[in-house]
Amino acid sequence: MARIGGRSLWLAWPVGLLCAAAVSGLGLLAAPGIPGAVGFVGDTLRAATSTPAVTATAAPTPASDCRHLYSQPMWSSLVWSPEALLTQRRTPPLSTPEAVTAASPAVVVTCHWRGEGGRSLETTVSTVSAEGSAAVVATLTGQGFACTTEAEAVHCERTTAGVTEVHDLLGDRWVSSTLTGWEPVGYAETVASHAFFGE
């Protein structure tokens, strides 16, 4: 074999031995991790070919306090509104005492927001019987509320003298909101959805 000019045999051998020693040392350091790596690859391949497990998710719980009655964006906008003050209590719906008398609801929670300049929001979530729900709708219709039914949910609404009253009924839940000079976008829809279905 012809030699290449500029190569020194006495230098190549020690460097070659050093390289071999370094590779052997790295192999010894990596040896304890080989079973784990083989197991990881095997698990990954098995997971890719097996049927995914179905995990049961808990059904959402309807809101039963003020914090869970609002979406995060709406909660933030209400909390940061000028002079906003929230009071959580258990009082019957503000707007229609006649409907309350007819339905005899069990109040879950009432959320009252007071803002600047006398504006306010109040939402009451109650449970009612089927007869009580029908009595609420009949009373509201008799008082001039515009009521519509969609997918078993009843929505009644009326605005008089700057006060908007909204009532939503579904199943055993009645959500009554009174908005006085303060109408956040999508307020009634958000509280009804959270009261009926949770977050």
C-alpha atoms as a PDB file:
ATOM      1  CA  MET A   1       0.000   0.000   0.000  1.00  0.00           C
ATOM      2  CA  ALA A   2       1.369   3.389  -0.898  1.00  0.00           C
ATOM      3  CA  ARG A   3       1.886   5.815   1.971  1.00  0.00           C
ATOM      4  CA  ILE A   4       0.342   9.273   1.860  1.00  0.00           C
ATOM      5  CA  GLY A   5       2.838  12.066   2.244  1.00  0.00           C
ATOM      6  CA  GLY A   6       2.720  14.036   5.494  1.00  0.00           C
ATOM      7  CA  ARG A   7       1.217  11.194   7.586  1.00  0.00           C
ATOM      8  CA  SER A   8       3.174  10.050  10.621  1.00  0.00           C
ATOM      9  CA  LEU A   9       2.577   6.451  11.636  1.00  0.00           C
ATOM     10  CA  TRP A  10       3.928   6.907  15.172  1.00  0.00           C
ATOM     11  CA  LEU A  11       1.285   9.686  15.783  1.00  0.00           C
ATOM     12  CA  ALA A  12      -1.662   7.925  14.092  1.00  0.00           C
ATOM     13  CA  TRP A  13      -1.549   4.839  16.344  1.00  0.00           C
ATOM     14  CA  PRO A  14      -1.845   6.658  19.714  1.00  0.00           C
ATOM     15  CA  VAL A  15      -4.611   8.944  18.370  1.00  0.00           C
ATOM     16  CA  GLY A  16      -6.476   5.916  17.019  1.00  0.00           C
ATOM     17  CA  LEU A  17      -6.165   4.141  20.391  1.00  0.00           C
ATOM     18  CA  LEU A  18      -7.434   7.289  22.191  1.00  0.00           C
ATOM     19  CA  CYS A  19     -10.455   7.455  19.887  1.00  0.00           C
ATOM     20  CA  ALA A  20     -11.221   3.766  20.432  1.00  0.00           C
ATOM     21  CA  ALA A  21     -10.942   4.270  24.210  1.00  0.00           C
ATOM     22  CA  ALA A  22     -13.314   7.268  24.074  1.00  0.00           C
ATOM     23  CA  VAL A  23     -15.910   5.324  22.074  1.00  0.00           C
ATOM     24  CA  SER A  24     -15.642   2.366  24.491  1.00  0.00           C
ATOM     25  CA  GLY A  25     -16.057   4.704  27.481  1.00  0.00           C
ATOM     26  CA  LEU A  26     -19.168   6.274  25.978  1.00  0.00           C
ATOM     27  CA  GLY A  27     -20.565   2.807  25.299  1.00  0.00           C
ATOM     28  CA  LEU A  28     -20.026   1.840  28.949  1.00  0.00           C
ATOM     29  CA  LEU A  29     -21.774   5.037  30.131  1.00  0.00           C
ATOM     30  CA  ALA A  30     -24.738   4.421  27.814  1.00  0.00           C
ATOM     31  CA  ALA A  31     -25.124   0.703  28.659  1.00  0.00           C
ATOM     32  CA  PRO A  32     -27.386   1.175  31.742  1.00  0.00           C
ATOM     33  CA  GLY A  33     -29.888   3.171  29.659  1.00  0.00           C
ATOM     34  CA  ILE A  34     -30.293   0.566  26.917  1.00  0.00           C
ATOM     35  CA  PRO A  35     -33.090  -1.480  28.628  1.00  0.00           C
ATOM     36  CA  GLY A  36     -35.055   1.728  29.294  1.00  0.00           C
ATOM     37  CA  ALA A  37     -34.642   2.885  25.703  1.00  0.00           C
ATOM     38  CA  VAL A  38     -35.746  -0.512  24.368  1.00  0.00           C
ATOM     39  CA  GLY A  39     -38.802  -0.451  26.689  1.00  0.00           C
ATOM     40  CA  PHE A  40     -39.697   3.090  25.591  1.00  0.00           C
ATOM     41  CA  VAL A  41     -39.524   2.169  21.900  1.00  0.00           C
ATOM     42  CA  GLY A  42     -41.586  -0.968  22.534  1.00  0.00           C
ATOM     43  CA  ASP A  43     -44.255   0.941  24.475  1.00  0.00           C
ATOM     44  CA  THR A  44     -44.441   3.599  21.757  1.00  0.00           C
ATOM     45  CA  LEU A  45     -44.895   0.989  19.033  1.00  0.00           C
ATOM     46  CA  ARG A  46     -47.528  -0.897  21.047  1.00  0.00           C
ATOM     47  CA  ALA A  47     -49.430   2.334  21.776  1.00  0.00           C
ATOM     48  CA  ALA A  48     -49.417   3.235  18.078  1.00  0.00           C
ATOM     49  CA  THR A  49     -51.051  -0.057  17.105  1.00  0.00           C
ATOM     50  CA  SER A  50     -53.507  -0.528  20.004  1.00  0.00           C
ATOM     51  CA  THR A  51     -57.023   0.897  20.314  1.00  0.00           C
ATOM     52  CA  PRO A  52     -57.031   4.119  22.356  1.00  0.00           C
ATOM     53  CA  ALA A  53     -58.673   3.792  25.744  1.00  0.00           C
ATOM     54  CA  VAL A  54     -61.896   5.727  26.182  1.00  0.00           C
ATOM     55  CA  THR A  55     -61.748   7.915  29.272  1.00  0.00           C
ATOM     56  CA  ALA A  56     -65.003   8.841  30.900  1.00  0.00           C
ATOM     57  CA  THR A  57     -65.399  12.563  31.415  1.00  0.00           C
ATOM     58  CA  ALA A  58     -67.601  13.843  34.170  1.00  0.00           C
ATOM     59  CA  ALA A  59     -70.722  15.650  33.053  1.00  0.00           C
ATOM     60  CA  PRO A  60     -70.510  19.400  33.603  1.00  0.00           C
ATOM     61  CA  THR A  61     -72.154  20.584  36.796  1.00  0.00           C
ATOM     62  CA  PRO A  62     -74.622  23.458  36.449  1.00  0.00           C
ATOM     63  CA  ALA A  63     -73.383  26.637  38.115  1.00  0.00           C
ATOM     64  CA  SER A  64     -74.427  27.024  41.741  1.00  0.00           C
ATOM     65  CA  ASP A  65     -72.406  30.107  42.723  1.00  0.00           C
ATOM     66  CA  CYS A  66     -71.618  33.479  41.194  1.00  0.00           C
ATOM     67  CA  ARG A  67     -68.069  32.688  40.095  1.00  0.00           C
ATOM     68  CA  HIS A  68     -69.195  29.718  37.985  1.00  0.00           C
ATOM     69  CA  LEU A  69     -72.185  31.543  36.513  1.00  0.00           C
ATOM     70  CA  TYR A  70     -69.937  33.576  34.182  1.00  0.00           C
ATOM     71  CA  SER A  71     -67.361  32.779  31.531  1.00  0.00           C
ATOM     72  CA  GLN A  72     -63.812  33.894  32.315  1.00  0.00           C
ATOM     73  CA  PRO A  73     -63.882  36.868  29.883  1.00  0.00           C
ATOM     74  CA  MET A  74     -67.241  38.078  31.229  1.00  0.00           C
ATOM     75  CA  TRP A  75     -66.148  37.614  34.850  1.00  0.00           C
ATOM     76  CA  SER A  76     -63.030  39.690  34.195  1.00  0.00           C
ATOM     77  CA  SER A  77     -64.980  42.470  32.469  1.00  0.00           C
ATOM     78  CA  LEU A  78     -67.498  42.651  35.327  1.00  0.00           C
ATOM     79  CA  VAL A  79     -64.881  42.608  38.074  1.00  0.00           C
ATOM     80  CA  TRP A  80     -62.882  45.392  36.400  1.00  0.00           C
ATOM     81  CA  SER A  81     -65.909  47.563  35.619  1.00  0.00           C
ATOM     82  CA  PRO A  82     -65.801  50.968  37.364  1.00  0.00           C
ATOM     83  CA  GLU A  83     -67.051  50.784  40.959  1.00  0.00           C
ATOM     84  CA  ALA A  84     -68.287  47.206  40.440  1.00  0.00           C
ATOM     85  CA  LEU A  85     -69.411  45.428  43.593  1.00  0.00           C
ATOM     86  CA  LEU A  86     -70.735  41.836  43.670  1.00  0.00           C
ATOM     87  CA  THR A  87     -73.130  40.561  46.322  1.00  0.00           C
ATOM     88  CA  GLN A  88     -73.945  36.840  46.401  1.00  0.00           C
ATOM     89  CA  ARG A  89     -77.119  35.909  48.228  1.00  0.00           C
ATOM     90  CA  ARG A  90     -80.226  33.700  48.071  1.00  0.00           C
ATOM     91  CA  THR A  91     -83.125  36.008  47.261  1.00  0.00           C
ATOM     92  CA  PRO A  92     -85.965  35.346  44.800  1.00  0.00           C
ATOM     93  CA  PRO A  93     -85.944  36.883  41.310  1.00  0.00           C
ATOM     94  CA  LEU A  94     -86.112  40.667  41.402  1.00  0.00           C
ATOM     95  CA  SER A  95     -88.340  41.418  38.448  1.00  0.00           C
ATOM     96  CA  THR A  96     -91.507  39.320  38.737  1.00  0.00           C
ATOM     97  CA  PRO A  97     -92.942  38.678  42.199  1.00  0.00           C
ATOM     98  CA  GLU A  98     -96.108  37.291  40.581  1.00  0.00           C
ATOM     99  CA  ALA A  99     -94.108  34.580  38.768  1.00  0.00           C
ATOM    100  CA  VAL A 100     -92.249  33.781  41.989  1.00  0.00           C
ATOM    101  CA  THR A 101     -95.546  33.376  43.840  1.00  0.00           C
ATOM    102  CA  ALA A 102     -96.951  31.155  41.075  1.00  0.00           C
ATOM    103  CA  ALA A 103     -93.854  28.929  40.786  1.00  0.00           C
ATOM    104  CA  SER A 104     -92.607  28.680  44.408  1.00  0.00           C
ATOM    105  CA  PRO A 105     -88.963  28.287  43.267  1.00  0.00           C
ATOM    106  CA  ALA A 106     -86.084  27.071  45.424  1.00  0.00           C
ATOM    107  CA  VAL A 107     -83.377  29.702  45.008  1.00  0.00           C
ATOM    108  CA  VAL A 108     -79.905  28.307  44.267  1.00  0.00           C
ATOM    109  CA  VAL A 109     -78.030  31.632  44.097  1.00  0.00           C
ATOM    110  CA  THR A 110     -78.594  35.319  43.368  1.00  0.00           C
ATOM    111  CA  CYS A 111     -75.736  37.413  41.976  1.00  0.00           C
ATOM    112  CA  HIS A 112     -76.191  41.182  42.256  1.00  0.00           C
ATOM    113  CA  TRP A 113     -73.685  43.517  40.596  1.00  0.00           C
ATOM    114  CA  ARG A 114     -73.770  47.211  41.406  1.00  0.00           C
ATOM    115  CA  GLY A 115     -71.895  49.569  39.091  1.00  0.00           C
ATOM    116  CA  GLU A 116     -71.325  53.287  38.700  1.00  0.00           C
ATOM    117  CA  GLY A 117     -74.193  55.698  38.165  1.00  0.00           C
ATOM    118  CA  GLY A 118     -76.861  53.429  39.636  1.00  0.00           C
ATOM    119  CA  ARG A 119     -76.536  50.748  36.983  1.00  0.00           C
ATOM    120  CA  SER A 120     -76.895  47.122  38.097  1.00  0.00           C
ATOM    121  CA  LEU A 121     -77.186  43.493  37.045  1.00  0.00           C
ATOM    122  CA  GLU A 122     -79.003  40.830  39.007  1.00  0.00           C
ATOM    123  CA  THR A 123     -79.336  37.165  38.120  1.00  0.00           C
ATOM    124  CA  THR A 124     -81.169  34.548  40.151  1.00  0.00           C
ATOM    125  CA  VAL A 125     -80.835  30.829  39.491  1.00  0.00           C
ATOM    126  CA  SER A 126     -83.683  28.732  40.925  1.00  0.00           C
ATOM    127  CA  THR A 127     -85.045  25.221  40.671  1.00  0.00           C
ATOM    128  CA  VAL A 128     -88.724  24.769  39.847  1.00  0.00           C
ATOM    129  CA  SER A 129     -91.104  21.891  39.239  1.00  0.00           C
ATOM    130  CA  ALA A 130     -92.580  21.237  35.792  1.00  0.00           C
ATOM    131  CA  GLU A 131     -95.827  22.857  36.965  1.00  0.00           C
ATOM    132  CA  GLY A 132     -93.885  25.796  38.388  1.00  0.00           C
ATOM    133  CA  SER A 133     -92.051  26.279  35.089  1.00  0.00           C
ATOM    134  CA  ALA A 134     -95.366  26.344  33.198  1.00  0.00           C
ATOM    135  CA  ALA A 135     -96.749  28.842  35.727  1.00  0.00           C
ATOM    136  CA  VAL A 136     -93.717  31.125  35.210  1.00  0.00           C
ATOM    137  CA  VAL A 137     -94.179  31.118  31.423  1.00  0.00           C
ATOM    138  CA  ALA A 138     -97.936  31.765  31.725  1.00  0.00           C
ATOM    139  CA  THR A 139     -97.369  34.631  34.170  1.00  0.00           C
ATOM    140  CA  LEU A 140     -94.629  36.226  32.068  1.00  0.00           C
ATOM    141  CA  THR A 141     -96.705  35.955  28.872  1.00  0.00           C
ATOM    142  CA  GLY A 142     -99.636  37.598  30.675  1.00  0.00           C
ATOM    143  CA  GLN A 143     -97.339  40.476  31.724  1.00  0.00           C
ATOM    144  CA  GLY A 144     -96.321  41.224  28.131  1.00  0.00           C
ATOM    145  CA  PHE A 145     -93.021  39.339  27.907  1.00  0.00           C
ATOM    146  CA  ALA A 146     -92.088  38.030  24.452  1.00  0.00           C
ATOM    147  CA  CYS A 147     -91.512  34.282  24.947  1.00  0.00           C
ATOM    148  CA  THR A 148     -90.015  31.797  22.495  1.00  0.00           C
ATOM    149  CA  THR A 149     -89.298  28.075  22.802  1.00  0.00           C
ATOM    150  CA  GLU A 150     -86.303  26.362  21.226  1.00  0.00           C
ATOM    151  CA  ALA A 151     -85.136  22.789  21.958  1.00  0.00           C
ATOM    152  CA  GLU A 152     -87.238  22.642  25.156  1.00  0.00           C
ATOM    153  CA  ALA A 153     -85.718  25.891  26.462  1.00  0.00           C
ATOM    154  CA  VAL A 154     -88.069  28.828  27.005  1.00  0.00           C
ATOM    155  CA  HIS A 155     -86.725  32.382  26.646  1.00  0.00           C
ATOM    156  CA  CYS A 156     -88.798  35.390  27.741  1.00  0.00           C
ATOM    157  CA  GLU A 157     -87.685  39.010  27.476  1.00  0.00           C
ATOM    158  CA  ARG A 158     -89.055  42.505  28.042  1.00  0.00           C
ATOM    159  CA  THR A 159     -87.509  45.993  28.100  1.00  0.00           C
ATOM    160  CA  THR A 160     -89.273  48.885  29.788  1.00  0.00           C
ATOM    161  CA  ALA A 161     -87.870  52.263  30.882  1.00  0.00           C
ATOM    162  CA  GLY A 162     -84.240  51.207  30.433  1.00  0.00           C
ATOM    163  CA  VAL A 163     -84.677  47.967  32.399  1.00  0.00           C
ATOM    164  CA  THR A 164     -84.295  44.679  30.535  1.00  0.00           C
ATOM    165  CA  GLU A 165     -85.756  41.564  32.125  1.00  0.00           C
ATOM    166  CA  VAL A 166     -84.739  38.155  30.765  1.00  0.00           C
ATOM    167  CA  HIS A 167     -86.017  34.748  31.884  1.00  0.00           C
ATOM    168  CA  ASP A 168     -84.711  31.378  30.662  1.00  0.00           C
ATOM    169  CA  LEU A 169     -86.222  28.041  31.691  1.00  0.00           C
ATOM    170  CA  LEU A 170     -84.921  24.557  30.913  1.00  0.00           C
ATOM    171  CA  GLY A 171     -85.713  21.376  32.820  1.00  0.00           C
ATOM    172  CA  ASP A 172     -85.895  22.239  36.493  1.00  0.00           C
ATOM    173  CA  ARG A 173     -83.841  25.468  36.195  1.00  0.00           C
ATOM    174  CA  TRP A 174     -85.145  29.017  36.011  1.00  0.00           C
ATOM    175  CA  VAL A 175     -82.639  31.814  35.319  1.00  0.00           C
ATOM    176  CA  SER A 176     -83.995  35.318  35.865  1.00  0.00           C
ATOM    177  CA  SER A 177     -81.884  38.381  35.008  1.00  0.00           C
ATOM    178  CA  THR A 178     -82.663  42.074  35.484  1.00  0.00           C
ATOM    179  CA  LEU A 179     -80.322  44.517  33.712  1.00  0.00           C
ATOM    180  CA  THR A 180     -80.667  48.143  34.750  1.00  0.00           C
ATOM    181  CA  GLY A 181     -78.695  50.542  32.551  1.00  0.00           C
ATOM    182  CA  TRP A 182     -75.990  47.923  32.073  1.00  0.00           C
ATOM    183  CA  GLU A 183     -76.076  45.328  29.295  1.00  0.00           C
ATOM    184  CA  PRO A 184     -72.797  43.418  28.762  1.00  0.00           C
ATOM    185  CA  VAL A 185     -72.719  41.695  25.374  1.00  0.00           C
ATOM    186  CA  GLY A 186     -74.092  38.149  25.614  1.00  0.00           C
ATOM    187  CA  TYR A 187     -74.852  38.443  29.340  1.00  0.00           C
ATOM    188  CA  ALA A 188     -78.193  36.610  29.429  1.00  0.00           C
ATOM    189  CA  GLU A 189     -77.005  33.841  27.088  1.00  0.00           C
ATOM    190  CA  THR A 190     -73.844  33.250  29.116  1.00  0.00           C
ATOM    191  CA  VAL A 191     -75.517  33.014  32.526  1.00  0.00           C
ATOM    192  CA  ALA A 192     -78.273  30.773  31.167  1.00  0.00           C
ATOM    193  CA  SER A 193     -75.774  28.414  29.545  1.00  0.00           C
ATOM    194  CA  HIS A 194     -73.663  28.168  32.700  1.00  0.00           C
ATOM    195  CA  ALA A 195     -76.708  27.731  34.926  1.00  0.00           C
ATOM    196  CA  PHE A 196     -78.072  24.940  32.735  1.00  0.00           C
ATOM    197  CA  PHE A 197     -74.968  23.102  31.584  1.00  0.00           C
ATOM    198  CA  GLY A 198     -71.983  24.317  33.622  1.00  0.00           C
ATOM    199  CA  GLU A 199     -68.677  25.469  32.158  1.00  0.00           C
END
